[in-house]
PDB file of N, CA and C in Angstrom:
ATOM      1  N   MET A   1      12.901  23.508 -10.698  1.00  0.00           N
ATOM      2  CA  MET A   1      11.444  23.036 -10.805  1.00  0.00           C
ATOM      3  C   MET A   1      10.591  23.347  -9.606  1.00  0.00           C
ATOM      4  N   ASN A   2       9.322  23.362  -9.854  1.00  0.00           N
ATOM      5  CA  ASN A   2       8.379  23.742  -8.794  1.00  0.00           C
ATOM      6  C   ASN A   2       7.778  22.386  -8.296  1.00  0.00           C
ATOM      7  N   LEU A   3       7.867  22.082  -7.178  1.00  0.00           N
ATOM      8  CA  LEU A   3       7.073  20.918  -6.487  1.00  0.00           C
ATOM      9  C   LEU A   3       5.917  21.546  -5.342  1.00  0.00           C
ATOM     10  N   ILE A   4       5.148  20.641  -5.082  1.00  0.00           N
ATOM     11  CA  ILE A   4       4.429  20.803  -3.808  1.00  0.00           C
ATOM     12  C   ILE A   4       4.730  19.768  -2.704  1.00  0.00           C
ATOM     13  N   VAL A   5       5.282  20.373  -1.803  1.00  0.00           N
ATOM     14  CA  VAL A   5       5.828  19.634  -0.543  1.00  0.00           C
ATOM     15  C   VAL A   5       4.757  19.602   0.534  1.00  0.00           C
ATOM     16  N   ASN A   6       4.153  18.717   1.066  1.00  0.00           N
ATOM     17  CA  ASN A   6       3.250  18.880   2.110  1.00  0.00           C
ATOM     18  C   ASN A   6       2.201  20.068   2.070  1.00  0.00           C
ATOM     19  N   GLY A   7       1.901  20.232   0.788  1.00  0.00           N
ATOM     20  CA  GLY A   7       0.846  21.082   0.400  1.00  0.00           C
ATOM     21  C   GLY A   7       1.231  22.778   0.367  1.00  0.00           C
ATOM     22  N   GLU A   8       2.787  22.877   0.298  1.00  0.00           N
ATOM     23  CA  GLU A   8       3.380  24.070  -0.108  1.00  0.00           C
ATOM     24  C   GLU A   8       4.208  24.153  -1.217  1.00  0.00           C
ATOM     25  N   ASP A   9       4.087  25.130  -1.992  1.00  0.00           N
ATOM     26  CA  ASP A   9       4.917  25.232  -3.400  1.00  0.00           C
ATOM     27  C   ASP A   9       6.220  25.612  -2.934  1.00  0.00           C
ATOM     28  N   LYS A  10       7.085  24.843  -3.546  1.00  0.00           N
ATOM     29  CA  LYS A  10       8.650  24.817  -3.426  1.00  0.00           C
ATOM     30  C   LYS A  10       9.348  24.726  -4.449  1.00  0.00           C
ATOM     31  N   SER A  11      10.647  25.377  -4.627  1.00  0.00           N
ATOM     32  CA  SER A  11      11.423  25.250  -5.909  1.00  0.00           C
ATOM     33  C   SER A  11      12.621  24.531  -5.508  1.00  0.00           C
ATOM     34  N   PHE A  12      13.058  23.598  -6.507  1.00  0.00           N
ATOM     35  CA  PHE A  12      14.283  22.724  -6.231  1.00  0.00           C
ATOM     36  C   PHE A  12      14.953  22.630  -7.745  1.00  0.00           C
ATOM     37  N   ALA A  13      16.149  22.119  -7.800  1.00  0.00           N
ATOM     38  CA  ALA A  13      16.911  22.121  -8.816  1.00  0.00           C
ATOM     39  C   ALA A  13      16.387  20.955  -9.778  1.00  0.00           C
ATOM     40  N   GLU A  14      16.383  21.235 -11.234  1.00  0.00           N
ATOM     41  CA  GLU A  14      16.086  20.123 -12.067  1.00  0.00           C
ATOM     42  C   GLU A  14      16.699  18.732 -11.871  1.00  0.00           C
ATOM     43  N   ASN A  15      16.017  17.663 -12.134  1.00  0.00           N
ATOM     44  CA  ASN A  15      16.604  16.223 -12.014  1.00  0.00           C
ATOM     45  C   ASN A  15      17.101  15.923 -10.618  1.00  0.00           C
ATOM     46  N   SER A  16      16.282  16.578  -9.427  1.00  0.00           N
ATOM     47  CA  SER A  16      16.578  16.192  -8.251  1.00  0.00           C
ATOM     48  C   SER A  16      16.154  15.066  -7.867  1.00  0.00           C
ATOM     49  N   THR A  17      16.684  14.080  -6.968  1.00  0.00           N
ATOM     50  CA  THR A  17      16.166  12.907  -6.450  1.00  0.00           C
ATOM     51  C   THR A  17      15.273  13.213  -5.232  1.00  0.00           C
ATOM     52  N   LEU A  18      14.569  12.270  -4.724  1.00  0.00           N
ATOM     53  CA  LEU A  18      13.708  12.408  -3.607  1.00  0.00           C
ATOM     54  C   LEU A  18      14.858  12.669  -2.394  1.00  0.00           C
ATOM     55  N   GLN A  19      15.692  11.825  -2.461  1.00  0.00           N
ATOM     56  CA  GLN A  19      16.681  12.021  -1.332  1.00  0.00           C
ATOM     57  C   GLN A  19      17.358  13.492  -1.301  1.00  0.00           C
ATOM     58  N   ALA A  20      17.612  13.927  -2.403  1.00  0.00           N
ATOM     59  CA  ALA A  20      18.093  15.234  -2.436  1.00  0.00           C
ATOM     60  C   ALA A  20      17.300  16.420  -1.880  1.00  0.00           C
ATOM     61  N   ILE A  21      15.939  16.240  -2.296  1.00  0.00           N
ATOM     62  CA  ILE A  21      15.036  16.975  -1.748  1.00  0.00           C
ATOM     63  C   ILE A  21      14.795  17.039  -0.153  1.00  0.00           C
ATOM     64  N   ILE A  22      14.717  15.915   0.290  1.00  0.00           N
ATOM     65  CA  ILE A  22      14.824  15.688   1.654  1.00  0.00           C
ATOM     66  C   ILE A  22      15.955  16.173   2.353  1.00  0.00           C
ATOM     67  N   ASP A  23      17.018  15.981   1.995  1.00  0.00           N
ATOM     68  CA  ASP A  23      18.234  16.674   2.283  1.00  0.00           C
ATOM     69  C   ASP A  23      18.237  18.148   2.393  1.00  0.00           C
ATOM     70  N   GLU A  24      17.812  18.731   1.197  1.00  0.00           N
ATOM     71  CA  GLU A  24      17.700  20.131   1.235  1.00  0.00           C
ATOM     72  C   GLU A  24      16.816  20.816   2.240  1.00  0.00           C
ATOM     73  N   LEU A  25      15.608  20.134   2.426  1.00  0.00           N
ATOM     74  CA  LEU A  25      14.718  20.392   3.523  1.00  0.00           C
ATOM     75  C   LEU A  25      15.239  20.209   4.966  1.00  0.00           C
ATOM     76  N   ARG A  26      16.304  19.517   5.029  1.00  0.00           N
ATOM     77  CA  ARG A  26      16.802  18.905   6.328  1.00  0.00           C
ATOM     78  C   ARG A  26      15.868  18.331   7.292  1.00  0.00           C
ATOM     79  N   VAL A  27      15.251  17.248   6.658  1.00  0.00           N
ATOM     80  CA  VAL A  27      14.125  16.859   7.323  1.00  0.00           C
ATOM     81  C   VAL A  27      14.092  15.331   7.589  1.00  0.00           C
ATOM     82  N   GLU A  28      15.464  14.592   7.145  1.00  0.00           N
ATOM     83  CA  GLU A  28      15.798  13.315   6.973  1.00  0.00           C
ATOM     84  C   GLU A  28      15.359  12.429   8.246  1.00  0.00           C
ATOM     85  N   GLU A  29      15.925  13.039   9.318  1.00  0.00           N
ATOM     86  CA  GLU A  29      15.620  12.455  10.522  1.00  0.00           C
ATOM     87  C   GLU A  29      14.251  12.311  10.842  1.00  0.00           C
ATOM     88  N   LYS A  30      13.326  13.092  10.410  1.00  0.00           N
ATOM     89  CA  LYS A  30      11.923  13.135  10.907  1.00  0.00           C
ATOM     90  C   LYS A  30      11.239  12.241   9.719  1.00  0.00           C
ATOM     91  N   VAL A  31      11.549  12.141   8.558  1.00  0.00           N
ATOM     92  CA  VAL A  31      10.785  11.650   7.713  1.00  0.00           C
ATOM     93  C   VAL A  31      10.938   9.981   7.689  1.00  0.00           C
ATOM     94  N   MET A  32       9.761   9.357   7.927  1.00  0.00           N
ATOM     95  CA  MET A  32       9.733   7.926   8.043  1.00  0.00           C
ATOM     96  C   MET A  32       9.114   7.230   6.683  1.00  0.00           C
ATOM     97  N   ALA A  33       8.524   8.077   5.857  1.00  0.00           N
ATOM     98  CA  ALA A  33       7.867   7.500   4.658  1.00  0.00           C
ATOM     99  C   ALA A  33       7.573   8.651   3.642  1.00  0.00           C
ATOM    100  N   ALA A  34       7.613   8.339   2.402  1.00  0.00           N
ATOM    101  CA  ALA A  34       7.342   9.536   1.441  1.00  0.00           C
ATOM    102  C   ALA A  34       6.568   8.925   0.472  1.00  0.00           C
ATOM    103  N   ALA A  35       5.468   9.967  -0.184  1.00  0.00           N
ATOM    104  CA  ALA A  35       4.820   9.608  -1.303  1.00  0.00           C
ATOM    105  C   ALA A  35       4.939  10.507  -2.390  1.00  0.00           C
ATOM    106  N   VAL A  36       4.917  10.338  -3.638  1.00  0.00           N
ATOM    107  CA  VAL A  36       5.175  11.085  -4.643  1.00  0.00           C
ATOM    108  C   VAL A  36       3.764  10.888  -5.565  1.00  0.00           C
ATOM    109  N   ASN A  37       3.079  11.897  -5.626  1.00  0.00           N
ATOM    110  CA  ASN A  37       1.707  11.774  -6.321  1.00  0.00           C
ATOM    111  C   ASN A  37       0.746  10.705  -5.683  1.00  0.00           C
ATOM    112  N   MET A  38       0.770  10.527  -4.500  1.00  0.00           N
ATOM    113  CA  MET A  38      -0.045   9.636  -3.806  1.00  0.00           C
ATOM    114  C   MET A  38       0.521   8.339  -3.783  1.00  0.00           C
ATOM    115  N   GLU A  39       1.724   7.881  -4.300  1.00  0.00           N
ATOM    116  CA  GLU A  39       2.395   6.536  -4.498  1.00  0.00           C
ATOM    117  C   GLU A  39       3.517   6.627  -3.618  1.00  0.00           C
ATOM    118  N   ILE A  40       3.626   5.637  -2.580  1.00  0.00           N
ATOM    119  CA  ILE A  40       4.600   5.364  -1.717  1.00  0.00           C
ATOM    120  C   ILE A  40       5.716   5.113  -2.460  1.00  0.00           C
ATOM    121  N   VAL A  41       6.808   5.623  -1.978  1.00  0.00           N
ATOM    122  CA  VAL A  41       8.366   5.572  -2.483  1.00  0.00           C
ATOM    123  C   VAL A  41       9.003   4.769  -1.440  1.00  0.00           C
ATOM    124  N   LYS A  42       9.673   3.606  -1.685  1.00  0.00           N
ATOM    125  CA  LYS A  42      10.422   2.984  -0.573  1.00  0.00           C
ATOM    126  C   LYS A  42      11.740   3.749  -0.275  1.00  0.00           C
ATOM    127  N   LYS A  43      12.116   3.674   0.937  1.00  0.00           N
ATOM    128  CA  LYS A  43      13.379   4.493   1.489  1.00  0.00           C
ATOM    129  C   LYS A  43      14.669   3.912   0.724  1.00  0.00           C
ATOM    130  N   ASP A  44      14.550   2.800   0.219  1.00  0.00           N
ATOM    131  CA  ASP A  44      16.040   2.300  -0.203  1.00  0.00           C
ATOM    132  C   ASP A  44      15.989   2.721  -1.762  1.00  0.00           C
ATOM    133  N   GLU A  45      14.739   3.518  -2.296  1.00  0.00           N
ATOM    134  CA  GLU A  45      14.754   3.843  -3.687  1.00  0.00           C
ATOM    135  C   GLU A  45      14.679   5.477  -3.857  1.00  0.00           C
ATOM    136  N   TRP A  46      14.821   6.317  -2.546  1.00  0.00           N
ATOM    137  CA  TRP A  46      14.831   7.688  -2.641  1.00  0.00           C
ATOM    138  C   TRP A  46      16.054   8.267  -3.234  1.00  0.00           C
ATOM    139  N   ASN A  47      17.087   7.587  -3.258  1.00  0.00           N
ATOM    140  CA  ASN A  47      18.380   8.074  -3.983  1.00  0.00           C
ATOM    141  C   ASN A  47      18.400   7.967  -5.466  1.00  0.00           C
ATOM    142  N   LYS A  48      17.406   7.010  -5.952  1.00  0.00           N
ATOM    143  CA  LYS A  48      17.416   6.824  -7.368  1.00  0.00           C
ATOM    144  C   LYS A  48      16.035   7.687  -8.048  1.00  0.00           C
ATOM    145  N   PHE A  49      15.157   7.990  -7.217  1.00  0.00           N
ATOM    146  CA  PHE A  49      13.870   8.372  -7.689  1.00  0.00           C
ATOM    147  C   PHE A  49      13.833  10.029  -7.906  1.00  0.00           C
ATOM    148  N   ILE A  50      13.918  10.107  -9.376  1.00  0.00           N
ATOM    149  CA  ILE A  50      13.729  11.613  -9.731  1.00  0.00           C
ATOM    150  C   ILE A  50      12.508  12.067  -9.855  1.00  0.00           C
ATOM    151  N   VAL A  51      12.312  13.495  -9.154  1.00  0.00           N
ATOM    152  CA  VAL A  51      11.157  13.863  -9.227  1.00  0.00           C
ATOM    153  C   VAL A  51      10.879  14.772 -10.326  1.00  0.00           C
ATOM    154  N   LYS A  52       9.716  15.175 -10.824  1.00  0.00           N
ATOM    155  CA  LYS A  52       9.425  15.870 -11.814  1.00  0.00           C
ATOM    156  C   LYS A  52       8.584  17.211 -11.524  1.00  0.00           C
ATOM    157  N   GLU A  53       8.556  18.155 -12.505  1.00  0.00           N
ATOM    158  CA  GLU A  53       7.731  19.421 -12.427  1.00  0.00           C
ATOM    159  C   GLU A  53       6.570  19.293 -11.797  1.00  0.00           C
ATOM    160  N   ASN A  54       6.273  19.758 -10.826  1.00  0.00           N
ATOM    161  CA  ASN A  54       4.720  19.692 -10.301  1.00  0.00           C
ATOM    162  C   ASN A  54       4.435  18.584  -9.538  1.00  0.00           C
ATOM    163  N   ASP A  55       5.183  17.722  -9.242  1.00  0.00           N
ATOM    164  CA  ASP A  55       4.949  16.494  -8.423  1.00  0.00           C
ATOM    165  C   ASP A  55       4.381  17.049  -7.073  1.00  0.00           C
ATOM    166  N   LYS A  56       3.696  16.229  -6.488  1.00  0.00           N
ATOM    167  CA  LYS A  56       3.243  16.359  -5.123  1.00  0.00           C
ATOM    168  C   LYS A  56       3.833  15.485  -4.178  1.00  0.00           C
ATOM    169  N   LEU A  57       4.485  16.100  -3.212  1.00  0.00           N
ATOM    170  CA  LEU A  57       5.213  15.176  -2.317  1.00  0.00           C
ATOM    171  C   LEU A  57       4.674  15.214  -1.087  1.00  0.00           C
ATOM    172  N   GLU A  58       4.520  13.883  -0.290  1.00  0.00           N
ATOM    173  CA  GLU A  58       4.071  14.047   1.004  1.00  0.00           C
ATOM    174  C   GLU A  58       5.100  13.335   1.874  1.00  0.00           C
ATOM    175  N   LEU A  59       5.867  14.066   2.697  1.00  0.00           N
ATOM    176  CA  LEU A  59       6.762  13.629   3.464  1.00  0.00           C
ATOM    177  C   LEU A  59       6.288  13.356   5.036  1.00  0.00           C
ATOM    178  N   LEU A  60       6.232  12.216   5.400  1.00  0.00           N
ATOM    179  CA  LEU A  60       5.424  11.616   6.413  1.00  0.00           C
ATOM    180  C   LEU A  60       6.239  11.297   7.585  1.00  0.00           C
ATOM    181  N   GLN A  61       5.791  11.760   8.990  1.00  0.00           N
ATOM    182  CA  GLN A  61       6.620  11.155  10.004  1.00  0.00           C
ATOM    183  C   GLN A  61       5.452  10.785  11.039  1.00  0.00           C
ATOM    184  N   PHE A  62       5.923   9.845  11.862  1.00  0.00           N
ATOM    185  CA  PHE A  62       5.013   9.140  12.805  1.00  0.00           C
ATOM    186  C   PHE A  62       5.025   9.752  14.117  1.00  0.00           C
ATOM    187  N   VAL A  63       3.904  10.151  14.630  1.00  0.00           N
ATOM    188  CA  VAL A  63       3.918  10.825  15.970  1.00  0.00           C
ATOM    189  C   VAL A  63       3.130  10.129  16.708  1.00  0.00           C
ATOM    190  N   GLY A  64       3.784   9.835  17.963  1.00  0.00           N
ATOM    191  CA  GLY A  64       3.091   9.096  19.051  1.00  0.00           C
ATOM    192  C   GLY A  64       2.040   9.718  19.638  1.00  0.00           C
ATOM    193  N   GLY A  65       0.927   9.476  20.210  1.00  0.00           N
ATOM    194  CA  GLY A  65      -0.122   9.952  20.842  1.00  0.00           C
ATOM    195  C   GLY A  65      -0.861   9.210  22.060  1.00  0.00           C
ATOM    196  N   GLY A  66      -1.568   9.614  22.580  1.00  0.00           N
ATOM    197  CA  GLY A  66      -2.429   8.950  23.764  1.00  0.00           C
ATOM    198  C   GLY A  66      -3.864   9.551  23.947  1.00  0.00           C
TER     199      GLY A  66
END
């Protein structure tokens, strides 16, 4: 299935969970928050949340600055 992840088109297996996507991208250590179609998905729901074709995912990380 095709998804848009942080503005880039990517392909993943059908019926993937949000956690599986994050694992496949190898960004779990960096991701602090995730939104699907502009709706925040709580971290404890990532394992249960099934993404759908053409969903837009934003995987967010917090960056300190000054």
